């Protein structure tokens, strides 16, 4: 039987830090950060919705056209 397990753990970050991921798709990497403001750029609507459910603010464009706070 081939089993997989989640080896990802929350990443240490300064509380209140802002984290930006370019091409965040579903926000899996952003979801590793706790107590941070999460931002992403993702033109794919399916991925964007998933990242937003994790609490990320996602700009629905390619990075070159995106404006971030």
C-alpha atoms as a PDB file:
ATOM      1  CA  UNK A   1       0.000   0.000   0.000  1.00  0.00           C
ATOM      2  CA  UNK A   2       1.332   3.418  -0.954  1.00  0.00           C
ATOM      3  CA  UNK A   3       0.451   5.932   1.765  1.00  0.00           C
ATOM      4  CA  UNK A   4       1.187   9.624   1.886  1.00  0.00           C
ATOM      5  CA  UNK A   5       1.174  11.905   4.857  1.00  0.00           C
ATOM      6  CA  UNK A   6       1.154  15.627   5.310  1.00  0.00           C
ATOM      7  CA  UNK A   7       4.672  16.707   6.199  1.00  0.00           C
ATOM      8  CA  UNK A   8       3.956  20.439   6.039  1.00  0.00           C
ATOM      9  CA  UNK A   9       3.911  22.355   9.287  1.00  0.00           C
ATOM     10  CA  UNK A  10       3.145  26.010   9.947  1.00  0.00           C
ATOM     11  CA  UNK A  11       6.074  28.221   8.999  1.00  0.00           C
ATOM     12  CA  UNK A  12       7.554  30.612  11.517  1.00  0.00           C
ATOM     13  CA  UNK A  13       6.726  34.195  10.624  1.00  0.00           C
ATOM     14  CA  UNK A  14       6.482  37.510  12.368  1.00  0.00           C
ATOM     15  CA  UNK A  15       2.902  38.027  13.559  1.00  0.00           C
ATOM     16  CA  UNK A  16       1.205  40.555  11.335  1.00  0.00           C
ATOM     17  CA  UNK A  17       3.655  40.027   8.461  1.00  0.00           C
ATOM     18  CA  UNK A  18       2.330  40.224   4.909  1.00  0.00           C
ATOM     19  CA  UNK A  19       3.017  37.210   2.695  1.00  0.00           C
ATOM     20  CA  UNK A  20       2.694  37.377  -1.097  1.00  0.00           C
ATOM     21  CA  UNK A  21       2.720  34.336  -3.365  1.00  0.00           C
ATOM     22  CA  UNK A  22       2.822  34.806  -7.124  1.00  0.00           C
ATOM     23  CA  UNK A  23       0.806  32.078  -8.821  1.00  0.00           C
ATOM     24  CA  UNK A  24      -0.767  30.914  -5.565  1.00  0.00           C
ATOM     25  CA  UNK A  25      -3.364  28.621  -7.218  1.00  0.00           C
ATOM     26  CA  UNK A  26      -5.224  27.020  -4.265  1.00  0.00           C
ATOM     27  CA  UNK A  27      -3.191  28.776  -1.555  1.00  0.00           C
ATOM     28  CA  UNK A  28      -1.599  25.598  -0.166  1.00  0.00           C
ATOM     29  CA  UNK A  29       1.717  27.373   0.486  1.00  0.00           C
ATOM     30  CA  UNK A  30       0.023  30.493   1.862  1.00  0.00           C
ATOM     31  CA  UNK A  31      -1.938  28.271   4.225  1.00  0.00           C
ATOM     32  CA  UNK A  32       1.284  27.351   6.003  1.00  0.00           C
ATOM     33  CA  UNK A  33       1.625  30.850   7.456  1.00  0.00           C
ATOM     34  CA  UNK A  34      -0.175  31.658  10.693  1.00  0.00           C
ATOM     35  CA  UNK A  35      -1.082  35.096  12.040  1.00  0.00           C
ATOM     36  CA  UNK A  36      -0.114  36.799   8.767  1.00  0.00           C
ATOM     37  CA  UNK A  37      -1.949  38.781   6.116  1.00  0.00           C
ATOM     38  CA  UNK A  38      -2.020  36.543   3.031  1.00  0.00           C
ATOM     39  CA  UNK A  39      -1.968  37.849  -0.548  1.00  0.00           C
ATOM     40  CA  UNK A  40      -1.738  36.057  -3.864  1.00  0.00           C
ATOM     41  CA  UNK A  41      -1.914  36.495  -7.590  1.00  0.00           C
ATOM     42  CA  UNK A  42      -3.825  33.794  -9.490  1.00  0.00           C
ATOM     43  CA  UNK A  43      -5.644  34.149 -12.826  1.00  0.00           C
ATOM     44  CA  UNK A  44      -7.231  30.674 -12.602  1.00  0.00           C
ATOM     45  CA  UNK A  45     -10.723  31.115 -11.127  1.00  0.00           C
ATOM     46  CA  UNK A  46     -10.863  27.647  -9.533  1.00  0.00           C
ATOM     47  CA  UNK A  47      -7.558  28.089  -7.762  1.00  0.00           C
ATOM     48  CA  UNK A  48      -8.393  31.637  -6.743  1.00  0.00           C
ATOM     49  CA  UNK A  49     -11.616  30.575  -5.012  1.00  0.00           C
ATOM     50  CA  UNK A  50      -9.790  27.869  -3.066  1.00  0.00           C
ATOM     51  CA  UNK A  51      -7.101  30.341  -1.902  1.00  0.00           C
ATOM     52  CA  UNK A  52      -9.744  32.851  -0.849  1.00  0.00           C
ATOM     53  CA  UNK A  53     -11.385  30.176   1.308  1.00  0.00           C
ATOM     54  CA  UNK A  54      -8.108  29.992   3.243  1.00  0.00           C
ATOM     55  CA  UNK A  55      -8.402  33.704   3.973  1.00  0.00           C
ATOM     56  CA  UNK A  56      -6.041  35.022   1.297  1.00  0.00           C
ATOM     57  CA  UNK A  57      -6.713  38.194  -0.664  1.00  0.00           C
ATOM     58  CA  UNK A  58      -6.218  37.098  -4.250  1.00  0.00           C
ATOM     59  CA  UNK A  59      -5.860  39.342  -7.289  1.00  0.00           C
ATOM     60  CA  UNK A  60      -7.421  37.618 -10.322  1.00  0.00           C
ATOM     61  CA  UNK A  61      -4.735  38.664 -12.810  1.00  0.00           C
ATOM     62  CA  UNK A  62      -1.210  37.848 -13.786  1.00  0.00           C
ATOM     63  CA  UNK A  63       1.343  39.491 -11.525  1.00  0.00           C
ATOM     64  CA  UNK A  64       2.473  42.094 -14.056  1.00  0.00           C
ATOM     65  CA  UNK A  65      -1.030  43.571 -14.058  1.00  0.00           C
ATOM     66  CA  UNK A  66      -1.749  43.212 -10.335  1.00  0.00           C
ATOM     67  CA  UNK A  67      -1.906  45.864  -7.665  1.00  0.00           C
ATOM     68  CA  UNK A  68      -1.299  44.823  -4.076  1.00  0.00           C
ATOM     69  CA  UNK A  69      -1.926  46.796  -0.885  1.00  0.00           C
END
